[in-house]
Amino acid sequence: MKRKNKRHGTVAVAFSAALVGVALAAALIAPASVSDPVEAAPAFNAGWKKGRETGYPVPRYVSLKFGNSRMRVGPSTDYGSRWVYKAQGLPMEITEEFGNWRQVRDYDGITGWMYAPLLSGRRTAVIGPWVDTSVPLYRSASNRAYVVADLEARVLMRLDHCDGHFCSVSLIGHNLSGYVEQASLWGVYPGETIK
């Protein structure tokens, strides 16, 4: 598979139940919220360290506040762009801090530096790129609950809350919400709770 210098794309949602077999493609775009904190302070987990600039845990997940966000080779505009992300709301993992710059990693494992104001504390996730089969979107937080939809890898969603096993999610660009097993998501740590 070839990579393009601009990171963008579509996601597919294969619906089950009444809409079995129907595929839906949607651009990875979410509405921006001006009131979003630049970075939120999640609870510390064992093995995490404090970021040298914010004191927040490192690593931690955030999301892209804007489309056309540049990932640079180093922590300055003097460094060239490695990627341009078109997907507003895409989850990123902060792995280091330097001044107003954050070293980040995307779900494909690509790392680089982003200017901190491009990042939001709003939590999002994608169905893990490692997933070979569809992942059920349940009506309630149980794998015995009614399956609302089957989600394919890289489907983008907003995290409403997580209990360590299931996350309440809302699909970005669709009027669809439910619960996904937390282990199927990239954008939330195993066992992490989000309220």
N, C-alpha and C. Protein backbone atom coordinates (compact mmCIF):
# COMPACT_ATOMS: atom_id res chain seq x y z
N MET A 1 0.83 -1.17 0.00
CA MET A 1 0.00 0.00 0.00
C MET A 1 0.89 1.24 0.00
N LYS A 2 0.64 2.18 -0.89
CA LYS A 2 1.42 3.40 -0.97
C LYS A 2 0.83 4.46 -0.06
N ARG A 3 1.71 5.25 0.53
CA ARG A 3 1.28 6.38 1.36
C ARG A 3 1.33 7.64 0.52
N LYS A 4 0.37 8.51 0.74
CA LYS A 4 0.39 9.81 0.09
C LYS A 4 0.92 10.81 1.09
N ASN A 5 1.40 11.93 0.60
CA ASN A 5 1.95 12.94 1.47
C ASN A 5 0.87 13.69 2.23
N LYS A 6 -0.35 13.56 1.84
CA LYS A 6 -1.46 14.17 2.58
C LYS A 6 -2.30 13.05 3.15
N ARG A 7 -2.50 13.11 4.48
CA ARG A 7 -3.25 12.05 5.15
C ARG A 7 -4.72 12.44 5.19
N HIS A 8 -5.51 11.72 4.45
CA HIS A 8 -6.95 11.94 4.44
C HIS A 8 -7.60 10.65 4.02
N GLY A 9 -8.86 10.62 4.02
CA GLY A 9 -9.50 9.40 3.56
C GLY A 9 -10.95 9.33 3.96
N THR A 10 -11.51 8.16 3.75
CA THR A 10 -12.88 7.92 4.12
C THR A 10 -12.92 6.73 5.05
N VAL A 11 -14.00 6.59 5.73
CA VAL A 11 -14.20 5.43 6.59
C VAL A 11 -15.49 4.76 6.15
N ALA A 12 -15.56 3.49 6.39
CA ALA A 12 -16.77 2.75 6.02
C ALA A 12 -17.43 2.22 7.26
N VAL A 13 -18.72 2.26 7.28
CA VAL A 13 -19.51 1.71 8.36
C VAL A 13 -20.46 0.71 7.73
N ALA A 14 -20.31 -0.56 8.05
CA ALA A 14 -21.21 -1.58 7.51
C ALA A 14 -22.29 -1.82 8.56
N PHE A 15 -23.51 -1.48 8.24
CA PHE A 15 -24.61 -1.58 9.19
C PHE A 15 -25.15 -3.00 9.23
N SER A 16 -25.59 -3.41 10.42
CA SER A 16 -26.21 -4.73 10.56
C SER A 16 -27.70 -4.53 10.84
N ALA A 17 -28.35 -5.57 11.26
CA ALA A 17 -29.79 -5.57 11.57
C ALA A 17 -30.58 -5.19 10.33
N ALA A 18 -31.35 -4.11 10.38
CA ALA A 18 -32.23 -3.72 9.28
C ALA A 18 -31.45 -3.28 8.04
N LEU A 19 -30.21 -2.89 8.23
CA LEU A 19 -29.43 -2.38 7.10
C LEU A 19 -28.24 -3.27 6.76
N VAL A 20 -28.37 -4.58 6.93
CA VAL A 20 -27.27 -5.50 6.69
C VAL A 20 -26.74 -5.34 5.28
N GLY A 21 -25.43 -5.31 5.18
CA GLY A 21 -24.78 -5.27 3.87
C GLY A 21 -24.68 -3.89 3.26
N VAL A 22 -25.27 -2.89 3.87
CA VAL A 22 -25.20 -1.54 3.31
C VAL A 22 -23.93 -0.89 3.81
N ALA A 23 -23.15 -0.33 2.94
CA ALA A 23 -21.92 0.35 3.34
C ALA A 23 -22.11 1.84 3.19
N LEU A 24 -21.51 2.57 4.07
CA LEU A 24 -21.65 4.02 4.08
C LEU A 24 -20.25 4.61 4.16
N ALA A 25 -19.90 5.52 3.26
CA ALA A 25 -18.59 6.16 3.33
C ALA A 25 -18.77 7.59 3.80
N ALA A 26 -17.90 8.02 4.68
CA ALA A 26 -18.00 9.38 5.21
C ALA A 26 -16.62 9.97 5.38
N ALA A 27 -16.48 11.23 5.10
CA ALA A 27 -15.19 11.91 5.30
C ALA A 27 -14.92 12.01 6.79
N LEU A 28 -13.66 11.95 7.16
CA LEU A 28 -13.25 12.03 8.55
C LEU A 28 -13.25 13.49 8.99
N ILE A 29 -14.46 14.04 9.18
CA ILE A 29 -14.57 15.44 9.55
C ILE A 29 -15.49 15.55 10.75
N ALA A 30 -15.07 16.32 11.75
CA ALA A 30 -15.90 16.56 12.94
C ALA A 30 -15.96 18.04 13.19
N PRO A 31 -17.07 18.52 13.74
CA PRO A 31 -17.15 19.94 14.03
C PRO A 31 -16.15 20.34 15.10
N ALA A 32 -15.50 21.47 14.93
CA ALA A 32 -14.56 21.97 15.93
C ALA A 32 -15.32 22.71 17.00
N SER A 33 -14.78 22.67 18.17
CA SER A 33 -15.37 23.42 19.27
C SER A 33 -14.32 24.37 19.80
N VAL A 34 -14.60 25.65 19.73
CA VAL A 34 -13.65 26.66 20.16
C VAL A 34 -13.38 26.55 21.65
N SER A 35 -14.36 26.06 22.41
CA SER A 35 -14.20 25.99 23.86
C SER A 35 -13.43 24.76 24.32
N ASP A 36 -13.02 23.88 23.41
CA ASP A 36 -12.25 22.70 23.80
C ASP A 36 -10.95 23.11 24.45
N PRO A 37 -10.57 22.44 25.54
CA PRO A 37 -9.25 22.72 26.09
C PRO A 37 -8.20 22.23 25.11
N VAL A 38 -7.05 22.89 25.11
CA VAL A 38 -5.98 22.45 24.21
C VAL A 38 -5.57 21.03 24.57
N GLU A 39 -5.41 20.77 25.85
CA GLU A 39 -5.06 19.44 26.28
C GLU A 39 -5.74 19.16 27.60
N ALA A 40 -6.26 17.97 27.75
CA ALA A 40 -6.92 17.60 29.00
C ALA A 40 -5.95 16.79 29.85
N ALA A 41 -6.13 16.82 31.13
CA ALA A 41 -5.26 16.09 32.05
C ALA A 41 -5.92 14.81 32.51
N PRO A 42 -5.61 13.67 31.86
CA PRO A 42 -6.17 12.41 32.32
C PRO A 42 -5.47 11.95 33.60
N ALA A 43 -6.05 10.97 34.26
CA ALA A 43 -5.43 10.42 35.46
C ALA A 43 -4.14 9.70 35.10
N PHE A 44 -3.19 9.71 36.01
CA PHE A 44 -1.92 9.02 35.78
C PHE A 44 -2.11 7.51 35.90
N ASN A 45 -1.45 6.78 35.05
CA ASN A 45 -1.39 5.33 35.14
C ASN A 45 0.03 4.94 35.50
N ALA A 46 0.19 3.74 35.99
CA ALA A 46 1.53 3.25 36.34
C ALA A 46 2.43 3.31 35.11
N GLY A 47 3.63 3.79 35.29
CA GLY A 47 4.60 3.85 34.19
C GLY A 47 4.57 5.15 33.41
N TRP A 48 3.57 6.01 33.64
CA TRP A 48 3.52 7.29 32.94
C TRP A 48 4.40 8.29 33.65
N LYS A 49 4.91 9.22 32.90
CA LYS A 49 5.68 10.30 33.49
C LYS A 49 4.94 11.61 33.26
N LYS A 50 5.38 12.65 33.93
CA LYS A 50 4.78 13.97 33.74
C LYS A 50 5.44 14.66 32.56
N GLY A 51 4.63 15.31 31.73
CA GLY A 51 5.18 16.09 30.63
C GLY A 51 5.96 17.28 31.18
N ARG A 52 7.10 17.57 30.57
CA ARG A 52 7.97 18.62 31.13
C ARG A 52 7.40 20.02 30.98
N GLU A 53 6.44 20.22 30.09
CA GLU A 53 5.85 21.55 29.89
C GLU A 53 4.53 21.72 30.62
N THR A 54 3.66 20.72 30.55
CA THR A 54 2.30 20.86 31.10
C THR A 54 2.13 20.17 32.45
N GLY A 55 2.97 19.19 32.73
CA GLY A 55 2.78 18.38 33.93
C GLY A 55 1.72 17.31 33.76
N TYR A 56 1.10 17.26 32.57
CA TYR A 56 0.11 16.23 32.27
C TYR A 56 0.84 14.92 31.98
N PRO A 57 0.13 13.79 32.09
CA PRO A 57 0.77 12.50 31.83
C PRO A 57 1.25 12.37 30.39
N VAL A 58 2.36 11.71 30.23
CA VAL A 58 2.89 11.36 28.91
C VAL A 58 3.20 9.88 28.96
N PRO A 59 2.63 9.07 28.07
CA PRO A 59 1.82 9.46 26.92
C PRO A 59 0.37 9.76 27.33
N ARG A 60 -0.36 10.43 26.42
CA ARG A 60 -1.78 10.70 26.58
C ARG A 60 -2.38 10.92 25.20
N TYR A 61 -3.68 10.70 25.10
CA TYR A 61 -4.38 10.89 23.83
C TYR A 61 -5.05 12.26 23.78
N VAL A 62 -5.04 12.83 22.59
CA VAL A 62 -5.73 14.07 22.26
C VAL A 62 -6.32 13.88 20.87
N SER A 63 -6.87 14.92 20.28
CA SER A 63 -7.38 14.83 18.91
C SER A 63 -6.99 16.09 18.15
N LEU A 64 -7.08 16.01 16.83
CA LEU A 64 -6.76 17.17 15.99
C LEU A 64 -7.93 18.15 16.04
N LYS A 65 -7.62 19.39 16.35
CA LYS A 65 -8.66 20.42 16.44
C LYS A 65 -9.10 20.89 15.06
N PHE A 66 -8.20 20.82 14.07
CA PHE A 66 -8.47 21.35 12.74
C PHE A 66 -8.06 20.35 11.66
N GLY A 67 -8.66 20.48 10.47
CA GLY A 67 -8.14 19.80 9.29
C GLY A 67 -6.93 20.60 8.82
N ASN A 68 -6.18 20.09 7.90
CA ASN A 68 -4.95 20.74 7.40
C ASN A 68 -3.94 20.98 8.52
N SER A 69 -3.80 20.02 9.42
CA SER A 69 -2.83 20.11 10.51
C SER A 69 -1.52 19.47 10.06
N ARG A 70 -0.46 20.22 10.22
CA ARG A 70 0.86 19.73 9.78
C ARG A 70 1.61 19.02 10.88
N MET A 71 2.13 17.85 10.55
CA MET A 71 3.07 17.15 11.41
C MET A 71 4.45 17.46 10.86
N ARG A 72 5.30 17.98 11.71
CA ARG A 72 6.64 18.38 11.27
C ARG A 72 7.70 17.39 11.75
N VAL A 73 8.86 17.47 11.11
CA VAL A 73 9.98 16.60 11.43
C VAL A 73 10.54 16.93 12.81
N GLY A 74 10.52 18.20 13.19
CA GLY A 74 11.03 18.64 14.49
C GLY A 74 10.12 19.69 15.11
N PRO A 75 10.43 20.12 16.34
CA PRO A 75 9.56 21.02 17.09
C PRO A 75 9.74 22.50 16.75
N SER A 76 9.51 22.87 15.50
CA SER A 76 9.61 24.26 15.07
C SER A 76 9.09 24.36 13.64
N THR A 77 8.65 25.56 13.26
CA THR A 77 8.25 25.76 11.87
C THR A 77 9.46 25.78 10.94
N ASP A 78 10.65 25.80 11.50
CA ASP A 78 11.88 25.71 10.70
C ASP A 78 12.04 24.32 10.10
N TYR A 79 11.38 23.33 10.70
CA TYR A 79 11.45 21.96 10.19
C TYR A 79 10.38 21.74 9.14
N GLY A 80 10.69 20.89 8.18
CA GLY A 80 9.75 20.59 7.11
C GLY A 80 8.56 19.77 7.59
N SER A 81 7.52 19.79 6.79
CA SER A 81 6.31 19.01 7.10
C SER A 81 6.53 17.56 6.72
N ARG A 82 6.15 16.68 7.62
CA ARG A 82 6.21 15.24 7.34
C ARG A 82 4.89 14.79 6.73
N TRP A 83 3.76 15.26 7.31
CA TRP A 83 2.42 14.92 6.83
C TRP A 83 1.51 16.11 7.02
N VAL A 84 0.46 16.17 6.21
CA VAL A 84 -0.63 17.11 6.40
C VAL A 84 -1.88 16.27 6.63
N TYR A 85 -2.48 16.43 7.80
CA TYR A 85 -3.67 15.65 8.16
C TYR A 85 -4.92 16.43 7.80
N LYS A 86 -5.79 15.83 7.02
CA LYS A 86 -7.04 16.45 6.60
C LYS A 86 -8.19 16.07 7.52
N ALA A 87 -7.97 15.14 8.40
CA ALA A 87 -9.03 14.56 9.23
C ALA A 87 -9.16 15.27 10.56
N GLN A 88 -10.02 16.26 10.62
CA GLN A 88 -10.31 16.94 11.88
C GLN A 88 -10.90 15.93 12.85
N GLY A 89 -10.44 15.95 14.10
CA GLY A 89 -10.94 15.02 15.11
C GLY A 89 -10.15 13.73 15.21
N LEU A 90 -9.18 13.52 14.35
CA LEU A 90 -8.39 12.30 14.38
C LEU A 90 -7.63 12.18 15.70
N PRO A 91 -7.65 11.02 16.36
CA PRO A 91 -6.91 10.88 17.61
C PRO A 91 -5.41 10.85 17.37
N MET A 92 -4.69 11.44 18.29
CA MET A 92 -3.22 11.44 18.28
C MET A 92 -2.75 11.12 19.69
N GLU A 93 -1.61 10.49 19.80
CA GLU A 93 -1.02 10.20 21.11
C GLU A 93 0.19 11.10 21.31
N ILE A 94 0.16 11.89 22.37
CA ILE A 94 1.32 12.73 22.71
C ILE A 94 2.33 11.87 23.44
N THR A 95 3.58 11.89 22.95
CA THR A 95 4.63 11.08 23.57
C THR A 95 5.74 11.93 24.19
N GLU A 96 5.77 13.24 23.88
CA GLU A 96 6.80 14.12 24.43
C GLU A 96 6.34 15.56 24.28
N GLU A 97 6.90 16.45 25.10
CA GLU A 97 6.59 17.87 25.06
C GLU A 97 7.88 18.67 24.96
N PHE A 98 7.83 19.75 24.18
CA PHE A 98 8.97 20.66 24.07
C PHE A 98 8.43 22.05 23.77
N GLY A 99 8.43 22.94 24.75
CA GLY A 99 7.86 24.26 24.55
C GLY A 99 6.40 24.15 24.15
N ASN A 100 6.01 24.84 23.08
CA ASN A 100 4.64 24.77 22.56
C ASN A 100 4.45 23.68 21.53
N TRP A 101 5.33 22.71 21.51
CA TRP A 101 5.28 21.62 20.53
C TRP A 101 5.07 20.30 21.25
N ARG A 102 4.35 19.39 20.58
CA ARG A 102 4.09 18.07 21.12
C ARG A 102 4.52 17.02 20.10
N GLN A 103 5.32 16.07 20.57
CA GLN A 103 5.65 14.93 19.71
C GLN A 103 4.45 14.01 19.76
N VAL A 104 3.94 13.63 18.59
CA VAL A 104 2.72 12.83 18.50
C VAL A 104 2.94 11.59 17.65
N ARG A 105 2.01 10.66 17.83
CA ARG A 105 2.01 9.43 17.04
C ARG A 105 0.58 9.19 16.59
N ASP A 106 0.40 8.81 15.31
CA ASP A 106 -0.94 8.50 14.82
C ASP A 106 -1.19 7.00 14.88
N TYR A 107 -2.39 6.57 14.48
CA TYR A 107 -2.75 5.15 14.61
C TYR A 107 -1.96 4.23 13.69
N ASP A 108 -1.25 4.79 12.71
CA ASP A 108 -0.37 3.97 11.87
C ASP A 108 1.04 3.90 12.42
N GLY A 109 1.29 4.56 13.57
CA GLY A 109 2.60 4.55 14.19
C GLY A 109 3.54 5.63 13.68
N ILE A 110 3.05 6.54 12.85
CA ILE A 110 3.87 7.62 12.30
C ILE A 110 4.03 8.69 13.38
N THR A 111 5.28 9.13 13.59
CA THR A 111 5.56 10.12 14.62
C THR A 111 6.12 11.40 14.02
N GLY A 112 5.92 12.48 14.74
CA GLY A 112 6.43 13.78 14.35
C GLY A 112 6.01 14.79 15.39
N TRP A 113 6.15 16.07 15.06
CA TRP A 113 5.86 17.15 16.01
C TRP A 113 4.73 18.02 15.49
N MET A 114 3.84 18.42 16.42
CA MET A 114 2.73 19.31 16.08
C MET A 114 2.71 20.46 17.07
N TYR A 115 2.31 21.62 16.56
CA TYR A 115 2.14 22.81 17.38
C TYR A 115 0.96 22.57 18.31
N ALA A 116 1.14 22.78 19.62
CA ALA A 116 0.14 22.42 20.63
C ALA A 116 -1.26 22.98 20.35
N PRO A 117 -1.42 24.24 19.87
CA PRO A 117 -2.78 24.74 19.61
C PRO A 117 -3.55 23.99 18.51
N LEU A 118 -2.89 23.11 17.76
CA LEU A 118 -3.58 22.29 16.77
C LEU A 118 -4.28 21.10 17.41
N LEU A 119 -4.01 20.87 18.71
CA LEU A 119 -4.51 19.69 19.40
C LEU A 119 -5.60 20.07 20.39
N SER A 120 -6.54 19.16 20.56
CA SER A 120 -7.68 19.39 21.45
C SER A 120 -7.74 18.30 22.51
N GLY A 121 -8.23 18.65 23.68
CA GLY A 121 -8.45 17.67 24.73
C GLY A 121 -9.68 16.81 24.50
N ARG A 122 -10.48 17.13 23.47
CA ARG A 122 -11.65 16.31 23.14
C ARG A 122 -11.17 14.92 22.73
N ARG A 123 -11.71 13.89 23.36
CA ARG A 123 -11.26 12.53 23.10
C ARG A 123 -12.04 11.89 21.97
N THR A 124 -11.30 11.33 21.05
CA THR A 124 -11.87 10.57 19.94
C THR A 124 -11.10 9.26 19.84
N ALA A 125 -11.59 8.37 19.02
CA ALA A 125 -10.92 7.09 18.80
C ALA A 125 -11.29 6.58 17.41
N VAL A 126 -10.54 5.60 16.97
CA VAL A 126 -10.87 4.88 15.74
C VAL A 126 -10.89 3.39 16.07
N ILE A 127 -11.66 2.65 15.30
CA ILE A 127 -11.57 1.20 15.41
C ILE A 127 -10.15 0.84 15.00
N GLY A 128 -9.49 0.06 15.82
CA GLY A 128 -8.07 -0.25 15.62
C GLY A 128 -7.74 -0.75 14.23
N PRO A 129 -6.64 -0.24 13.65
CA PRO A 129 -6.24 -0.68 12.32
C PRO A 129 -5.84 -2.15 12.27
N TRP A 130 -5.61 -2.76 13.43
CA TRP A 130 -5.26 -4.17 13.51
C TRP A 130 -6.47 -5.09 13.37
N VAL A 131 -7.68 -4.54 13.42
CA VAL A 131 -8.91 -5.33 13.37
C VAL A 131 -9.14 -5.88 11.97
N ASP A 132 -9.27 -7.19 11.87
CA ASP A 132 -9.48 -7.85 10.57
C ASP A 132 -10.95 -7.96 10.20
N THR A 133 -11.80 -8.10 11.22
CA THR A 133 -13.23 -8.25 10.97
C THR A 133 -13.96 -7.04 11.54
N SER A 134 -15.22 -6.93 11.25
CA SER A 134 -15.99 -5.79 11.77
C SER A 134 -16.15 -5.91 13.29
N VAL A 135 -16.33 -4.74 13.91
CA VAL A 135 -16.50 -4.65 15.36
C VAL A 135 -17.93 -4.20 15.62
N PRO A 136 -18.65 -4.90 16.51
CA PRO A 136 -20.05 -4.52 16.76
C PRO A 136 -20.18 -3.21 17.55
N LEU A 137 -21.13 -2.41 17.15
CA LEU A 137 -21.57 -1.24 17.91
C LEU A 137 -22.84 -1.69 18.62
N TYR A 138 -22.78 -1.80 19.94
CA TYR A 138 -23.90 -2.33 20.72
C TYR A 138 -24.81 -1.21 21.21
N ARG A 139 -26.06 -1.54 21.46
CA ARG A 139 -27.03 -0.58 22.00
C ARG A 139 -26.72 -0.25 23.46
N SER A 140 -26.19 -1.23 24.22
CA SER A 140 -25.81 -1.00 25.62
C SER A 140 -24.45 -1.65 25.87
N ALA A 141 -23.90 -1.42 27.05
CA ALA A 141 -22.54 -1.86 27.37
C ALA A 141 -22.49 -3.34 27.74
N SER A 142 -22.80 -4.18 26.77
CA SER A 142 -22.77 -5.62 26.94
C SER A 142 -22.60 -6.28 25.58
N ASN A 143 -21.78 -7.32 25.52
CA ASN A 143 -21.63 -8.01 24.24
C ASN A 143 -22.82 -8.94 23.95
N ARG A 144 -23.84 -8.90 24.80
CA ARG A 144 -25.09 -9.61 24.54
C ARG A 144 -26.19 -8.67 24.07
N ALA A 145 -25.88 -7.39 24.02
CA ALA A 145 -26.87 -6.37 23.63
C ALA A 145 -27.11 -6.42 22.13
N TYR A 146 -28.17 -5.76 21.71
CA TYR A 146 -28.52 -5.63 20.30
C TYR A 146 -27.39 -4.92 19.55
N VAL A 147 -27.02 -5.45 18.38
CA VAL A 147 -25.97 -4.86 17.56
C VAL A 147 -26.60 -3.82 16.63
N VAL A 148 -26.21 -2.57 16.83
CA VAL A 148 -26.73 -1.46 16.04
C VAL A 148 -26.05 -1.41 14.68
N ALA A 149 -24.72 -1.67 14.66
CA ALA A 149 -23.95 -1.60 13.41
C ALA A 149 -22.68 -2.41 13.57
N ASP A 150 -22.11 -2.80 12.45
CA ASP A 150 -20.79 -3.41 12.42
C ASP A 150 -19.82 -2.38 11.87
N LEU A 151 -18.77 -2.08 12.61
CA LEU A 151 -17.83 -1.02 12.25
C LEU A 151 -16.53 -1.61 11.72
N GLU A 152 -16.04 -1.02 10.66
CA GLU A 152 -14.78 -1.47 10.07
C GLU A 152 -13.61 -0.71 10.68
N ALA A 153 -12.41 -1.21 10.45
CA ALA A 153 -11.19 -0.56 10.97
C ALA A 153 -11.13 0.89 10.52
N ARG A 154 -10.62 1.74 11.42
CA ARG A 154 -10.38 3.16 11.19
C ARG A 154 -11.64 4.04 11.18
N VAL A 155 -12.79 3.51 11.56
CA VAL A 155 -13.98 4.34 11.69
C VAL A 155 -13.75 5.30 12.85
N LEU A 156 -14.00 6.59 12.62
CA LEU A 156 -13.75 7.65 13.60
C LEU A 156 -14.97 7.90 14.46
N MET A 157 -14.75 8.05 15.77
CA MET A 157 -15.86 8.28 16.70
C MET A 157 -15.42 9.15 17.86
N ARG A 158 -16.39 9.84 18.44
CA ARG A 158 -16.16 10.64 19.65
C ARG A 158 -16.36 9.73 20.84
N LEU A 159 -15.48 9.83 21.84
CA LEU A 159 -15.63 9.07 23.07
C LEU A 159 -16.44 9.88 24.06
N ASP A 160 -17.58 9.35 24.47
CA ASP A 160 -18.41 10.05 25.45
C ASP A 160 -17.99 9.67 26.87
N HIS A 161 -17.83 8.38 27.13
CA HIS A 161 -17.24 7.91 28.38
C HIS A 161 -16.83 6.45 28.20
N CYS A 162 -15.87 6.02 29.04
CA CYS A 162 -15.38 4.64 29.02
C CYS A 162 -15.29 4.14 30.45
N ASP A 163 -15.63 2.86 30.66
CA ASP A 163 -15.58 2.29 32.00
C ASP A 163 -14.43 1.30 32.20
N GLY A 164 -13.55 1.20 31.20
CA GLY A 164 -12.45 0.24 31.28
C GLY A 164 -12.70 -1.00 30.44
N HIS A 165 -13.96 -1.25 30.10
CA HIS A 165 -14.33 -2.42 29.27
C HIS A 165 -15.08 -2.00 28.01
N PHE A 166 -16.01 -1.07 28.16
CA PHE A 166 -16.80 -0.55 27.05
C PHE A 166 -16.71 0.96 27.02
N CYS A 167 -16.81 1.53 25.81
CA CYS A 167 -16.86 2.97 25.65
C CYS A 167 -18.17 3.35 24.99
N SER A 168 -18.81 4.39 25.52
CA SER A 168 -19.97 4.99 24.89
C SER A 168 -19.44 5.93 23.83
N VAL A 169 -19.88 5.73 22.57
CA VAL A 169 -19.31 6.47 21.45
C VAL A 169 -20.42 7.07 20.58
N SER A 170 -20.05 8.10 19.83
CA SER A 170 -20.91 8.69 18.80
C SER A 170 -20.09 8.77 17.53
N LEU A 171 -20.60 8.17 16.46
CA LEU A 171 -19.86 8.18 15.21
C LEU A 171 -19.88 9.59 14.62
N ILE A 172 -18.72 10.07 14.24
CA ILE A 172 -18.57 11.41 13.69
C ILE A 172 -19.05 11.39 12.24
N GLY A 173 -19.97 12.31 11.94
CA GLY A 173 -20.53 12.39 10.60
C GLY A 173 -21.77 11.54 10.40
N HIS A 174 -22.20 10.85 11.45
CA HIS A 174 -23.39 10.00 11.37
C HIS A 174 -24.24 10.22 12.60
N ASN A 175 -25.51 10.00 12.50
CA ASN A 175 -26.40 10.08 13.64
C ASN A 175 -26.50 8.69 14.25
N LEU A 176 -25.38 8.21 14.77
CA LEU A 176 -25.30 6.84 15.26
C LEU A 176 -24.45 6.82 16.52
N SER A 177 -24.95 6.18 17.57
CA SER A 177 -24.19 6.07 18.81
C SER A 177 -24.46 4.71 19.44
N GLY A 178 -23.62 4.35 20.39
CA GLY A 178 -23.76 3.08 21.07
C GLY A 178 -22.51 2.79 21.87
N TYR A 179 -22.22 1.52 22.05
CA TYR A 179 -21.09 1.09 22.87
C TYR A 179 -20.19 0.15 22.07
N VAL A 180 -18.88 0.34 22.25
CA VAL A 180 -17.87 -0.49 21.58
C VAL A 180 -16.95 -1.03 22.66
N GLU A 181 -16.51 -2.28 22.50
CA GLU A 181 -15.54 -2.83 23.44
C GLU A 181 -14.25 -2.01 23.35
N GLN A 182 -13.75 -1.60 24.50
CA GLN A 182 -12.61 -0.70 24.58
C GLN A 182 -11.36 -1.30 23.95
N ALA A 183 -11.19 -2.59 24.01
CA ALA A 183 -10.00 -3.25 23.45
C ALA A 183 -9.94 -3.13 21.93
N SER A 184 -11.03 -2.76 21.28
CA SER A 184 -11.08 -2.62 19.83
C SER A 184 -10.72 -1.22 19.36
N LEU A 185 -10.44 -0.30 20.29
CA LEU A 185 -10.25 1.11 19.95
C LEU A 185 -8.80 1.57 20.06
N TRP A 186 -8.40 2.45 19.13
CA TRP A 186 -7.14 3.17 19.25
C TRP A 186 -7.52 4.62 19.57
N GLY A 187 -7.07 5.09 20.72
CA GLY A 187 -7.42 6.42 21.18
C GLY A 187 -7.80 6.41 22.64
N VAL A 188 -7.78 5.23 23.25
CA VAL A 188 -8.04 5.06 24.68
C VAL A 188 -7.17 3.88 25.15
N TYR A 189 -6.60 4.01 26.33
CA TYR A 189 -5.70 2.98 26.85
C TYR A 189 -6.50 1.83 27.45
N PRO A 190 -5.94 0.63 27.47
CA PRO A 190 -6.61 -0.51 28.10
C PRO A 190 -6.90 -0.20 29.57
N GLY A 191 -8.13 -0.40 29.98
CA GLY A 191 -8.52 -0.18 31.35
C GLY A 191 -8.73 1.28 31.75
N GLU A 192 -8.46 2.22 30.85
CA GLU A 192 -8.63 3.63 31.15
C GLU A 192 -10.11 3.97 31.30
N THR A 193 -10.43 4.82 32.27
CA THR A 193 -11.80 5.28 32.41
C THR A 193 -11.88 6.76 32.01
N ILE A 194 -12.95 7.09 31.31
CA ILE A 194 -13.20 8.47 30.88
C ILE A 194 -14.61 8.80 31.33
N LYS A 195 -14.75 9.92 32.03
CA LYS A 195 -16.08 10.31 32.52
C LYS A 195 -16.60 11.50 31.78
